Protein backbone atom coordinates (compact mmCIF):
# COMPACT_ATOMS: atom_id res chain seq x y z
CA MET A 1 109.37 71.15 89.68
CA ASN A 2 105.84 72.51 89.14
CA ILE A 3 103.01 73.93 91.23
CA GLU A 4 101.82 70.44 92.25
CA ASP A 5 105.17 69.92 94.01
CA VAL A 6 104.53 72.87 96.32
CA LYS A 7 102.95 71.46 99.49
CA LYS A 8 104.37 73.51 102.37
CA VAL A 9 105.05 77.25 102.39
CA ALA A 10 106.95 79.33 104.96
CA VAL A 11 106.10 82.96 105.64
CA MET A 12 108.81 85.16 107.18
CA GLY A 13 107.10 87.74 109.38
CA SER A 14 103.78 87.64 111.23
CA GLY A 15 102.84 91.31 110.98
CA GLU A 16 100.01 92.81 108.95
CA MET A 17 101.24 91.41 105.64
CA GLY A 18 102.76 88.19 106.99
CA HIS A 19 99.70 86.89 108.80
CA GLY A 20 97.50 87.96 105.87
CA ILE A 21 99.62 85.97 103.42
CA ALA A 22 99.61 82.97 105.78
CA GLU A 23 95.81 83.19 105.96
CA VAL A 24 95.25 83.12 102.19
CA LEU A 25 97.71 80.22 101.89
CA LEU A 26 95.78 78.24 104.53
CA LEU A 27 92.50 78.97 102.74
CA GLY A 28 94.17 77.75 99.54
CA GLY A 29 94.87 74.38 101.17
CA TYR A 30 98.56 74.80 101.98
CA THR A 31 100.47 73.79 105.10
CA VAL A 32 102.19 76.90 106.48
CA ASN A 33 105.15 77.65 108.71
CA ILE A 34 105.20 81.22 110.02
CA ARG A 35 108.28 82.78 111.57
CA ASP A 36 109.02 85.96 113.53
CA ILE A 37 111.76 87.21 115.85
CA GLU A 38 109.67 86.95 119.05
CA GLN A 39 106.94 84.58 120.22
CA ARG A 40 104.66 87.48 121.18
CA PHE A 41 104.59 88.65 117.56
CA LEU A 42 103.72 85.14 116.43
CA ASP A 43 100.97 84.84 119.04
CA ARG A 44 99.47 88.12 117.86
CA GLY A 45 99.61 87.02 114.21
CA LEU A 46 98.02 83.63 114.91
CA ALA A 47 95.28 85.33 116.94
CA LYS A 48 94.52 87.64 113.99
CA ILE A 49 94.27 84.66 111.63
CA LYS A 50 91.94 82.80 114.03
CA GLU A 51 89.83 85.93 114.51
CA SER A 52 89.44 86.30 110.74
CA PHE A 53 88.50 82.63 110.32
CA ASP A 54 85.95 82.91 113.14
CA LYS A 55 84.30 85.85 111.37
CA MET A 56 84.13 83.81 108.16
CA GLU A 57 82.55 80.94 110.10
CA GLN A 58 79.96 83.30 111.62
CA LYS A 59 79.05 84.41 108.09
CA GLN A 60 78.78 80.71 107.14
CA ARG A 61 81.51 81.03 104.53
CA ILE A 62 83.51 78.19 106.10
CA SER A 63 82.70 75.46 108.64
CA SER A 64 84.06 75.17 112.19
CA GLN A 65 85.73 71.91 111.10
CA LYS A 66 87.52 73.79 108.31
CA VAL A 67 88.72 76.41 110.81
CA THR A 68 90.10 73.69 113.08
CA GLU A 69 91.85 71.96 110.15
CA MET A 70 93.47 75.19 108.93
CA MET A 71 94.70 76.20 112.38
CA GLN A 72 96.25 72.73 112.68
CA ASN A 73 98.01 73.34 109.36
CA ILE A 74 100.01 76.32 110.61
CA LYS A 75 103.05 76.11 112.87
CA ALA A 76 104.89 79.08 114.38
CA TYR A 77 108.67 79.37 114.83
CA VAL A 78 111.19 81.84 116.15
CA ASP A 79 114.09 79.75 114.82
CA ILE A 80 114.51 80.41 111.11
CA HIS A 81 116.11 77.01 110.39
CA GLN A 82 113.14 75.12 111.84
CA ALA A 83 110.77 77.37 109.87
CA VAL A 84 112.25 76.68 106.43
CA ASN A 85 114.15 73.37 106.54
CA ASP A 86 111.27 71.32 105.09
CA VAL A 87 109.36 73.79 102.89
CA ASP A 88 108.99 74.09 99.12
CA PHE A 89 108.38 77.82 98.94
CA VAL A 90 109.24 80.79 101.16
CA ILE A 91 107.57 84.22 101.16
CA GLU A 92 109.53 86.90 102.99
CA ALA A 93 107.39 89.64 104.57
CA VAL A 94 109.70 91.52 106.94
CA PRO A 95 109.90 95.36 107.17
CA GLU A 96 110.91 97.34 104.07
CA ILE A 97 114.57 97.75 105.03
CA GLN A 98 116.98 96.42 102.42
CA ASP A 99 119.76 95.33 104.80
CA LEU A 100 117.27 93.46 106.98
CA LYS A 101 115.82 91.66 103.98
CA LYS A 102 119.30 90.70 102.75
CA LYS A 103 120.14 89.22 106.14
CA VAL A 104 116.90 87.20 106.16
CA PHE A 105 117.54 85.96 102.60
CA GLU A 106 121.03 84.81 103.54
CA GLU A 107 119.65 82.84 106.48
CA ILE A 108 116.80 81.31 104.45
CA ASP A 109 119.22 80.28 101.69
CA LYS A 110 121.46 78.44 104.16
CA ALA A 111 118.58 76.60 105.86
CA ALA A 112 116.06 75.82 103.10
CA PRO A 113 116.19 72.74 100.81
CA LYS A 114 117.93 73.23 97.46
CA HIS A 115 114.67 73.03 95.50
CA THR A 116 112.96 75.75 97.55
CA ILE A 117 111.89 78.95 95.80
CA ILE A 118 112.38 82.15 97.83
CA ALA A 119 110.06 85.09 97.10
CA SER A 120 110.02 88.57 98.60
CA ASN A 121 106.81 90.44 99.34
CA THR A 122 108.68 93.74 99.07
CA SER A 123 106.73 96.60 97.55
CA GLY A 124 109.74 98.15 95.90
CA ILE A 125 113.18 96.89 96.91
CA ASN A 126 115.35 95.47 94.12
CA ILE A 127 114.88 91.70 93.92
CA SER A 128 118.17 91.11 92.11
CA ASP A 129 120.04 92.62 95.08
CA LEU A 130 118.29 90.14 97.39
CA ALA A 131 119.01 87.24 95.02
CA ALA A 132 122.69 88.17 94.95
CA VAL A 133 123.20 87.23 98.62
CA THR A 134 121.97 83.65 97.95
CA GLN A 135 123.42 80.60 96.22
CA ARG A 136 120.17 80.12 94.24
CA PRO A 137 119.52 83.31 92.20
CA GLY A 138 117.48 81.32 89.67
CA LYS A 139 114.98 80.49 92.41
CA VAL A 140 114.60 84.03 93.81
CA LEU A 141 111.92 86.46 92.68
CA GLY A 142 109.30 88.89 93.92
CA MET A 143 105.77 87.98 95.00
CA HIS A 144 104.18 91.24 96.02
CA PHE A 145 100.79 91.07 97.76
CA LEU A 146 98.79 94.18 98.60
CA ASN A 147 97.28 95.21 101.91
CA PRO A 148 94.77 94.07 103.07
CA VAL A 149 95.87 90.71 101.68
CA MET A 150 92.48 89.04 102.09
CA MET A 151 90.71 91.71 100.03
CA MET A 152 93.17 92.77 97.34
CA LYS A 153 93.45 90.41 94.38
CA LEU A 154 96.65 91.66 92.76
CA VAL A 155 99.91 89.78 93.13
CA GLU A 156 102.95 91.07 91.24
CA VAL A 157 105.33 88.30 90.16
CA ILE A 158 108.66 90.04 89.61
CA LYS A 159 111.55 88.61 87.61
CA ALA A 160 115.01 89.33 88.97
CA ARG A 161 117.95 89.35 86.55
CA LYS A 162 118.63 85.62 86.96
CA THR A 163 115.19 84.25 87.84
CA ALA A 164 114.43 80.98 86.04
CA THR A 165 111.28 80.70 83.93
CA GLU A 166 110.19 77.70 86.04
CA ALA A 167 110.24 79.77 89.26
CA VAL A 168 108.17 82.51 87.61
CA GLN A 169 105.57 80.00 86.40
CA ILE A 170 105.30 78.25 89.77
CA THR A 171 104.87 81.58 91.58
CA TYR A 172 102.26 82.73 89.04
CA ASP A 173 100.39 79.44 89.49
CA LEU A 174 100.61 79.66 93.29
CA ALA A 175 99.05 83.13 93.23
CA THR A 176 96.27 81.87 90.96
CA LYS A 177 95.67 78.81 93.14
CA ILE A 178 95.06 80.94 96.24
CA GLY A 179 92.53 83.10 94.40
CA LYS A 180 94.71 86.04 93.39
CA VAL A 181 95.16 87.80 90.03
CA PRO A 182 98.87 87.80 89.13
CA ILE A 183 100.72 89.93 86.62
CA ILE A 184 104.31 89.30 85.52
CA VAL A 185 106.71 92.21 85.97
CA GLU A 186 109.33 91.66 83.28
CA LYS A 187 112.00 93.98 84.62
CA ASP A 188 113.24 94.31 88.19
CA SER A 189 112.54 98.03 88.39
CA PRO A 190 112.09 100.02 91.64
CA GLY A 191 108.47 99.91 92.80
CA PHE A 192 107.55 97.35 90.11
CA VAL A 193 104.11 98.36 88.75
CA TYR A 194 101.60 99.11 91.50
CA THR A 195 103.89 100.92 93.95
CA ARG A 196 105.75 102.75 91.16
CA LEU A 197 102.51 104.04 89.64
CA ASN A 198 101.39 105.48 92.97
CA ALA A 199 104.80 106.73 94.12
CA PRO A 200 104.73 110.22 92.49
CA LYS A 201 101.45 110.88 94.29
CA THR A 202 103.26 110.54 97.63
CA ILE A 203 105.69 113.31 96.61
CA LEU A 204 102.74 115.61 95.96
CA LEU A 205 100.90 114.63 99.15
CA GLY A 206 104.05 115.30 101.14
CA ALA A 207 104.60 118.69 99.51
CA ILE A 208 101.00 119.84 100.00
CA VAL A 209 101.30 119.40 103.77
CA GLU A 210 104.92 120.61 103.95
CA LYS A 211 104.04 123.85 102.15
CA GLY A 212 100.74 124.32 104.01
CA LEU A 213 98.74 124.40 100.76
CA ALA A 214 95.86 122.32 102.18
CA THR A 215 95.09 120.04 105.10
CA PRO A 216 94.93 116.26 104.66
CA GLU A 217 91.21 116.29 105.49
CA GLU A 218 90.50 118.93 102.81
CA ILE A 219 92.15 116.78 100.12
CA ASP A 220 90.63 113.52 101.43
CA ALA A 221 87.14 115.07 101.49
CA ARG A 222 87.60 116.28 97.89
CA MET A 223 88.78 112.88 96.66
CA LYS A 224 85.97 111.03 98.46
CA GLU A 225 83.55 113.51 96.88
CA ALA A 226 85.07 112.51 93.52
CA GLY A 227 84.29 108.85 94.22
CA MET A 228 87.36 107.47 96.00
CA PRO A 229 86.38 105.02 98.77
CA MET A 230 89.29 106.27 100.90
CA GLY A 231 91.14 109.58 100.72
CA PRO A 232 94.87 109.52 99.84
CA TYR A 233 96.06 110.65 103.30
CA GLU A 234 93.75 108.20 105.03
CA LEU A 235 95.18 105.52 102.72
CA MET A 236 98.71 106.52 103.77
CA ASP A 237 97.70 105.90 107.39
CA PHE A 238 96.05 102.63 106.41
CA ILE A 239 99.16 101.34 104.63
CA GLY A 240 101.50 102.58 107.37
CA LEU A 241 103.52 105.80 107.40
CA ASP A 242 106.62 103.80 108.32
CA ILE A 243 106.26 101.66 105.20
CA LEU A 244 105.79 104.72 102.99
CA TYR A 245 108.69 106.51 104.67
CA HIS A 246 111.16 103.66 104.16
CA GLY A 247 109.86 103.06 100.63
CA ASN A 248 110.33 106.69 99.62
CA LEU A 249 113.73 106.85 101.30
CA TYR A 250 114.74 103.90 99.09
CA PHE A 251 113.22 105.56 95.99
CA SER A 252 115.17 108.75 96.76
CA ASN A 253 118.37 106.72 96.34
CA VAL A 254 117.45 104.60 93.31
CA LEU A 255 114.93 106.69 91.34
CA SER A 256 115.17 110.38 92.17
CA PRO A 257 115.99 112.74 95.07
CA ASP A 258 112.42 114.01 94.54
CA TYR A 259 111.27 111.11 96.73
CA LEU A 260 113.16 112.23 99.85
CA PRO A 261 110.46 112.10 102.57
CA PRO A 262 109.27 115.47 103.88
CA LYS A 263 110.15 116.63 107.39
CA TRP A 264 106.62 116.15 108.78
CA LEU A 265 106.51 112.49 107.67
CA LYS A 266 109.95 111.80 109.13
CA GLU A 267 108.84 113.27 112.46
CA LYS A 268 105.69 111.13 112.61
CA VAL A 269 107.70 107.97 111.94
CA GLU A 270 110.32 108.91 114.56
CA GLN A 271 107.49 109.46 117.07
CA GLY A 272 106.10 105.99 116.32
CA ASN A 273 102.87 107.39 114.85
CA PHE A 274 102.53 105.03 111.89
CA GLY A 275 98.78 105.36 111.30
CA ARG A 276 96.07 102.75 111.76
CA LYS A 277 98.30 100.06 113.28
CA THR A 278 99.54 102.36 116.07
CA GLY A 279 96.27 104.24 116.58
CA MET A 280 97.74 107.59 115.50
CA GLY A 281 99.21 108.92 112.29
CA ILE A 282 97.98 111.70 110.07
CA TYR A 283 94.63 110.96 111.73
CA ASP A 284 93.54 109.60 115.11
CA TRP A 285 92.60 105.92 114.65
CA SER A 286 92.17 105.11 118.35
CA LYS A 287 88.38 104.90 117.98
CA GLY A 288 88.37 103.31 114.54
CA ARG A 289 88.41 104.74 111.04
CA PRO A 290 88.55 108.57 111.07
CA ALA A 291 85.46 110.50 109.99
CA ILE A 292 86.26 112.82 107.06
CA ASN A 293 84.09 115.95 107.03
CA PRO A 294 82.69 116.32 103.47
CA ALA A 295 82.11 120.05 104.05
CA LEU A 296 85.88 120.60 104.06
CA ALA A 297 86.36 119.42 100.45
CA ARG A 298 88.70 121.72 98.50
CA LYS A 299 86.67 122.56 95.41
CA ASP A 300 89.70 124.12 93.70
CA PHE A 301 91.62 120.83 93.76
CA ASP A 302 91.34 118.87 90.50
CA PRO A 303 90.97 115.12 91.24
CA ASP A 304 92.51 114.37 87.84
CA ILE A 305 95.88 115.54 89.19
CA PHE A 306 96.49 112.14 90.78
CA LEU A 307 95.37 110.37 87.61
CA ALA A 308 97.80 112.50 85.59
CA LEU A 309 100.73 111.49 87.78
CA GLN A 310 99.71 107.85 87.62
CA VAL A 311 99.34 107.77 83.83
CA ASN A 312 102.61 109.65 83.37
CA GLU A 313 104.43 107.05 85.48
CA ALA A 314 102.66 104.28 83.52
CA THR A 315 104.17 105.63 80.31
CA LYS A 316 107.62 105.38 81.93
CA LEU A 317 106.99 101.70 82.73
CA VAL A 318 106.03 101.07 79.11
CA GLU A 319 109.07 102.97 77.81
CA GLU A 320 111.39 101.04 80.18
CA GLY A 321 109.94 97.60 79.32
CA VAL A 322 108.84 96.85 82.88
CA VAL A 323 105.64 95.37 81.44
CA LYS A 324 105.19 93.62 78.10
CA ASN A 325 101.55 94.60 77.73
CA PRO A 326 100.36 98.06 78.86
CA ASP A 327 96.97 96.51 79.64
CA ASP A 328 98.66 94.75 82.58
CA ILE A 329 98.99 98.22 84.13
CA ASP A 330 95.22 98.63 84.18
CA LYS A 331 94.86 95.03 85.40
CA ALA A 332 97.22 95.81 88.28
CA ILE A 333 95.41 98.94 89.42
CA ILE A 334 91.93 97.41 89.09
CA ASN A 335 92.89 94.36 91.14
CA GLY A 336 95.18 96.23 93.51
CA GLY A 337 93.00 99.22 94.26
CA GLY A 338 89.52 97.87 93.78
CA GLY A 339 88.48 100.28 91.02
CA ASP A 340 86.47 99.38 87.92
CA VAL A 341 88.72 101.13 85.40
CA GLY A 342 92.51 101.30 85.13
CA PRO A 343 94.49 104.54 84.72
CA LEU A 344 95.26 104.12 81.01
CA GLN A 345 91.61 103.56 80.13
CA ARG A 346 90.52 106.39 82.41
CA GLY A 347 93.31 108.58 81.06
CA LYS A 348 92.13 108.02 77.52
CA GLU A 349 88.63 109.10 78.54
CA VAL A 350 89.86 112.27 80.28
CA GLY A 351 92.39 113.02 77.55
CA TYR A 352 96.12 112.36 77.59
CA ILE A 353 96.90 115.93 76.52
CA LYS A 354 95.01 117.36 79.51
CA LEU A 355 96.91 115.01 81.82
CA ALA A 356 100.24 116.02 80.24
CA ASN A 357 99.39 119.69 80.86
CA LEU A 358 98.53 118.94 84.50
CA CYS A 359 101.88 117.19 84.94
CA GLN A 360 103.72 120.12 83.35
CA THR A 361 101.98 122.58 85.68
CA LEU A 362 102.85 120.47 88.74
CA ALA A 363 106.49 120.10 87.65
CA ASP A 364 106.83 123.86 87.25
CA LYS A 365 104.95 124.75 90.46
CA PHE A 366 106.83 122.35 92.75
CA GLY A 367 110.14 122.08 90.89
CA VAL A 368 109.80 118.28 90.78
CA GLU A 369 111.24 116.61 87.68
CA THR A 370 109.40 113.34 88.43
CA PHE A 371 106.14 115.18 87.62
CA ARG A 372 107.34 116.31 84.18
CA PRO A 373 105.31 114.64 81.38
CA THR A 374 106.99 112.03 79.18
CA GLU A 375 107.11 112.35 75.40
CA THR A 376 104.76 109.35 75.25
CA LEU A 377 102.15 111.14 77.38
CA LYS A 378 102.53 114.41 75.47
CA THR A 379 101.90 112.66 72.15
CA GLY A 380 99.08 110.56 73.64
CA LYS A 381 100.29 107.46 71.80
CA ILE A 382 100.41 104.71 74.40
CA ALA A 383 100.90 101.44 72.54
CA GLY A 384 98.62 98.65 73.62
CA SER A 385 96.22 100.76 75.68
CA LYS A 386 92.64 100.12 74.71
């Protein structure tokens, strides 16, 4: 089997990620089945896809005939068997809850043809654990898209312990064919590359609010002043506080207790205030994107703190063999976050020793071992970084 044999793809889930993945597949010329647990969720997802296509037509990027053809190429199902019984590739995009994903994988495995590859869009859950509940571990792997799917180019192709080389190649080629920039994650490690690199930052963001050291708007204003298109707390709202909460809860079990979500985040999730998608989170999104007051920028906050945490985590990925080539780390961040320079290149410019000192200071101040600099960062010898 090769990429030319992949004609029809099923997407499990029609939420923010699911309908975005379905949209890029349709634009790439694929026939798509989309599945969710209730028809109303499917209707909402299909409406979002149509709305996006209509905007593209208005901008004369695609024709009305193309829109009609693509909408005819997607079928919606509540029944999982009907959704996957004639497809060549499945992308699972259900909420970041391991037990839920395992249940979905079991059902897909029973209903899909033997040749079908099953990929998870998880941002951090262990792929090998998902593969273990199927009868086809060689055809299970990760295919992690970033939000918003239409805009972000990065796709992480993650090898599980038993993933076959053929499945990796087909998934890599599929990502390329739909206009994405894939990287291969060699080791099934929690958070893979993109999520893992940004995970320590969420510990710090949680602690800053929990300890009352600064307000989210003060930090966001400072980071926007430093050139970030979106502040880190605003980005948390954009991604979804529920997604971050469940992701960090998982990390607290498999990486370090340091990731246990703070009380304030737990409360927001329990209240159903997930951020942009619910209209309320850290900020009020009911009238659109929140306005961050630049006058509130905390001048005493060093923007390089977040870079330090990112580069430190990058050195762990290199040490653990999660990536073969450290340059893939920069490739991931550039294509996943929209920046011009990756953390290793930027870190080299700022100075690895300065970043190591920042990490040491944070580790001591907050008592967080995850922040402590690696030997690689302290020596500044990161093999392969340009």
